[in-house]
Amino acid sequence: MTGDKKYVAAAEKIAWYLCTWMMHFTVKYPADSLLGKMGYDTFGSTSVSTAHQALDQYALRDVLSFFRLYELTGNVQWRERALAFWCNACQCISDGTQYINGRLRPAGAQDEAIFHTRWGRYGVPPFGPSQWLPAWPCAYRLENLRWHPDWSIFDEGLQAISGNIEREEK
């Protein structure tokens, strides 16, 4: 992104559009729901689409752009939103001991999406993860780390997000 004013103005318009997909609040899930047990925080996630009942980590691909937009404009909200995207996307990553629905998740595994509504699908209860563990969220996280010179910025806020599930008893 250049510092040219017309490009910065266009980048801000695009950033505002992305923010319309962003969750700006934390949902309190029932304690007995899977998301309640996971301690999942909706703040900073993005909606998969208006037709889906899922949240995802797709804004990870825009974290560095939001940091750059902050540098160019001085508008602190772009930095705060970048950190909200980052912190949200660092939830519920298995350390290799996480069990969900009786299955051990390998280290680094993370759901592609979170079903955050009651709109469930037939046979799938509401308020649960997708149970699909693709590599793209990890790849986007690694790209942010690869290209950002100071990793300490990514630590902000992460201490407040938990997401562990104790081993389920059978």
Protein backbone atom coordinates (compact mmCIF):
# COMPACT_ATOMS: atom_id res chain seq x y z
CA MET A 1 0.00 0.00 0.00
CA THR A 2 1.47 3.34 -1.01
CA GLY A 3 1.12 6.55 0.95
CA ASP A 4 -0.72 8.19 -1.97
CA LYS A 5 -3.82 9.84 -0.49
CA LYS A 6 -6.25 8.35 -3.03
CA TYR A 7 -4.95 4.83 -2.36
CA VAL A 8 -5.14 5.34 1.40
CA ALA A 9 -8.72 6.62 1.04
CA ALA A 10 -9.61 3.56 -1.07
CA ALA A 11 -7.92 1.25 1.46
CA GLU A 12 -9.99 2.78 4.25
CA LYS A 13 -13.19 2.17 2.29
CA ILE A 14 -12.20 -1.47 1.83
CA ALA A 15 -11.31 -1.74 5.53
CA TRP A 16 -14.69 -0.31 6.51
CA TYR A 17 -16.38 -2.88 4.27
CA LEU A 18 -14.49 -5.73 5.94
CA CYS A 19 -15.48 -4.34 9.33
CA THR A 20 -19.15 -4.79 8.43
CA TRP A 21 -18.45 -8.55 8.66
CA MET A 22 -16.72 -8.19 12.03
CA MET A 23 -18.25 -9.16 15.37
CA HIS A 24 -18.01 -6.14 17.67
CA PHE A 25 -19.25 -7.87 20.82
CA THR A 26 -18.89 -11.00 22.91
CA VAL A 27 -21.73 -13.51 22.96
CA LYS A 28 -22.37 -15.35 26.23
CA TYR A 29 -22.99 -18.97 25.28
CA PRO A 30 -24.80 -21.45 27.51
CA ALA A 31 -22.28 -23.06 29.88
CA ASP A 32 -23.31 -26.53 28.72
CA SER A 33 -22.81 -25.73 25.01
CA LEU A 34 -19.58 -26.70 23.29
CA LEU A 35 -18.68 -23.03 22.63
CA GLY A 36 -19.43 -22.26 26.29
CA LYS A 37 -17.09 -25.06 27.38
CA MET A 38 -14.43 -23.87 24.92
CA GLY A 39 -14.65 -20.31 26.24
CA TYR A 40 -14.96 -19.04 22.67
CA ASP A 41 -15.11 -15.24 22.35
CA THR A 42 -16.87 -13.88 19.27
CA PHE A 43 -15.25 -10.42 19.48
CA GLY A 44 -13.06 -9.79 16.44
CA SER A 45 -14.22 -12.73 14.35
CA THR A 46 -15.68 -12.31 10.90
CA SER A 47 -18.81 -13.82 9.42
CA VAL A 48 -18.31 -16.49 6.77
CA SER A 49 -21.13 -14.91 4.75
CA THR A 50 -24.59 -13.53 5.34
CA ALA A 51 -26.08 -16.86 4.31
CA HIS A 52 -24.04 -18.95 6.74
CA GLN A 53 -24.37 -19.27 10.50
CA ALA A 54 -20.62 -19.38 11.03
CA LEU A 55 -17.73 -17.18 12.09
CA ASP A 56 -14.19 -17.69 10.83
CA GLN A 57 -10.62 -16.41 11.00
CA TYR A 58 -10.48 -15.10 7.43
CA ALA A 59 -9.59 -11.55 8.54
CA LEU A 60 -6.16 -12.94 9.44
CA ARG A 61 -5.20 -12.25 5.84
CA ASP A 62 -5.85 -8.53 6.46
CA VAL A 63 -4.07 -8.05 9.81
CA LEU A 64 -0.90 -6.60 8.27
CA SER A 65 -2.92 -4.34 5.98
CA PHE A 66 -4.79 -2.94 8.96
CA PHE A 67 -1.49 -2.30 10.77
CA ARG A 68 -0.20 -0.53 7.66
CA LEU A 69 -3.39 1.52 7.43
CA TYR A 70 -2.82 2.60 11.04
CA GLU A 71 0.74 3.65 10.20
CA LEU A 72 -0.45 5.70 7.21
CA THR A 73 -3.48 7.36 8.83
CA GLY A 74 -2.61 7.46 12.53
CA ASN A 75 -6.17 6.26 13.18
CA VAL A 76 -5.76 3.90 16.16
CA GLN A 77 -8.93 1.97 15.34
CA TRP A 78 -7.14 0.21 12.45
CA ARG A 79 -4.47 -1.06 14.86
CA GLU A 80 -7.12 -2.11 17.38
CA ARG A 81 -9.10 -3.96 14.73
CA ALA A 82 -5.97 -5.75 13.50
CA LEU A 83 -5.33 -6.93 17.04
CA ALA A 84 -8.98 -7.96 17.49
CA PHE A 85 -8.76 -10.07 14.31
CA TRP A 86 -5.49 -11.61 15.50
CA CYS A 87 -6.65 -12.38 19.04
CA ASN A 88 -9.91 -13.88 17.86
CA ALA A 89 -8.13 -16.14 15.39
CA CYS A 90 -5.74 -17.45 18.06
CA GLN A 91 -8.51 -19.12 20.05
CA CYS A 92 -9.15 -22.82 20.36
CA ILE A 93 -5.89 -23.96 18.79
CA SER A 94 -5.10 -27.41 20.11
CA ASP A 95 -1.88 -27.93 22.01
CA GLY A 96 -2.15 -31.63 21.29
CA THR A 97 -4.16 -32.42 24.44
CA GLN A 98 -7.50 -30.84 23.45
CA TYR A 99 -10.48 -33.16 23.24
CA ILE A 100 -13.65 -32.11 21.43
CA ASN A 101 -16.58 -34.49 21.12
CA GLY A 102 -14.44 -37.30 22.46
CA ARG A 103 -11.71 -36.86 19.84
CA LEU A 104 -8.16 -35.77 20.52
CA ARG A 105 -7.11 -32.86 18.34
CA PRO A 106 -3.54 -32.83 17.01
CA ALA A 107 -1.27 -29.95 18.02
CA GLY A 108 -1.98 -26.88 15.91
CA ALA A 109 -5.45 -28.03 14.88
CA GLN A 110 -8.18 -25.40 14.79
CA ASP A 111 -11.73 -25.37 13.45
CA GLU A 112 -12.33 -23.62 10.15
CA ALA A 113 -15.49 -22.03 11.49
CA ILE A 114 -17.63 -21.60 14.59
CA PHE A 115 -21.40 -22.11 14.41
CA HIS A 116 -22.40 -19.20 16.61
CA THR A 117 -26.18 -19.17 16.18
CA ARG A 118 -29.19 -21.37 16.84
CA TRP A 119 -29.69 -21.83 13.09
CA GLY A 120 -28.04 -25.25 13.26
CA ARG A 121 -28.14 -27.86 10.59
CA TYR A 122 -30.11 -31.06 10.91
CA GLY A 123 -28.42 -33.31 13.44
CA VAL A 124 -25.89 -30.65 14.46
CA PRO A 125 -26.56 -28.87 17.76
CA PRO A 126 -26.11 -25.08 17.89
CA PHE A 127 -23.10 -23.32 19.41
CA GLY A 128 -20.32 -25.62 18.28
CA PRO A 129 -17.22 -25.66 16.10
CA SER A 130 -17.30 -26.87 12.50
CA GLN A 131 -15.11 -29.92 13.25
CA TRP A 132 -13.22 -29.19 10.03
CA LEU A 133 -9.51 -28.64 10.66
CA PRO A 134 -7.93 -27.14 7.52
CA ALA A 135 -4.45 -25.61 7.34
CA TRP A 136 -5.36 -22.15 6.08
CA PRO A 137 -5.85 -20.41 9.47
CA CYS A 138 -2.36 -21.55 10.53
CA ALA A 139 -0.92 -20.49 7.18
CA TYR A 140 -2.38 -16.97 7.53
CA ARG A 141 -1.08 -16.71 11.10
CA LEU A 142 2.39 -17.75 9.95
CA GLU A 143 2.33 -15.18 7.13
CA ASN A 144 1.60 -12.44 9.67
CA LEU A 145 4.52 -13.58 11.78
CA ARG A 146 6.76 -13.90 8.75
CA TRP A 147 6.17 -10.36 7.54
CA HIS A 148 5.76 -8.38 10.78
CA PRO A 149 9.11 -7.29 12.26
CA ASP A 150 7.96 -7.11 15.91
CA TRP A 151 6.04 -10.11 17.20
CA SER A 152 5.41 -8.51 20.59
CA ILE A 153 2.47 -6.62 19.10
CA PHE A 154 0.68 -9.95 18.63
CA ASP A 155 0.83 -10.66 22.38
CA GLU A 156 -1.54 -7.80 23.22
CA GLY A 157 -4.88 -9.15 24.37
CA LEU A 158 -4.05 -12.81 24.02
CA GLN A 159 -3.80 -13.38 27.77
CA ALA A 160 -7.52 -12.59 28.08
CA ILE A 161 -8.68 -15.32 25.70
CA SER A 162 -8.92 -18.86 26.96
CA GLY A 163 -10.23 -21.80 25.03
CA ASN A 164 -9.29 -25.06 26.67
CA ILE A 165 -11.61 -27.97 27.14
CA GLU A 166 -10.74 -30.49 29.78
CA ARG A 167 -10.51 -34.06 28.62
CA GLU A 168 -14.03 -35.37 28.23
CA GLU A 169 -14.98 -38.28 30.39
CA LYS A 170 -16.45 -41.21 28.53
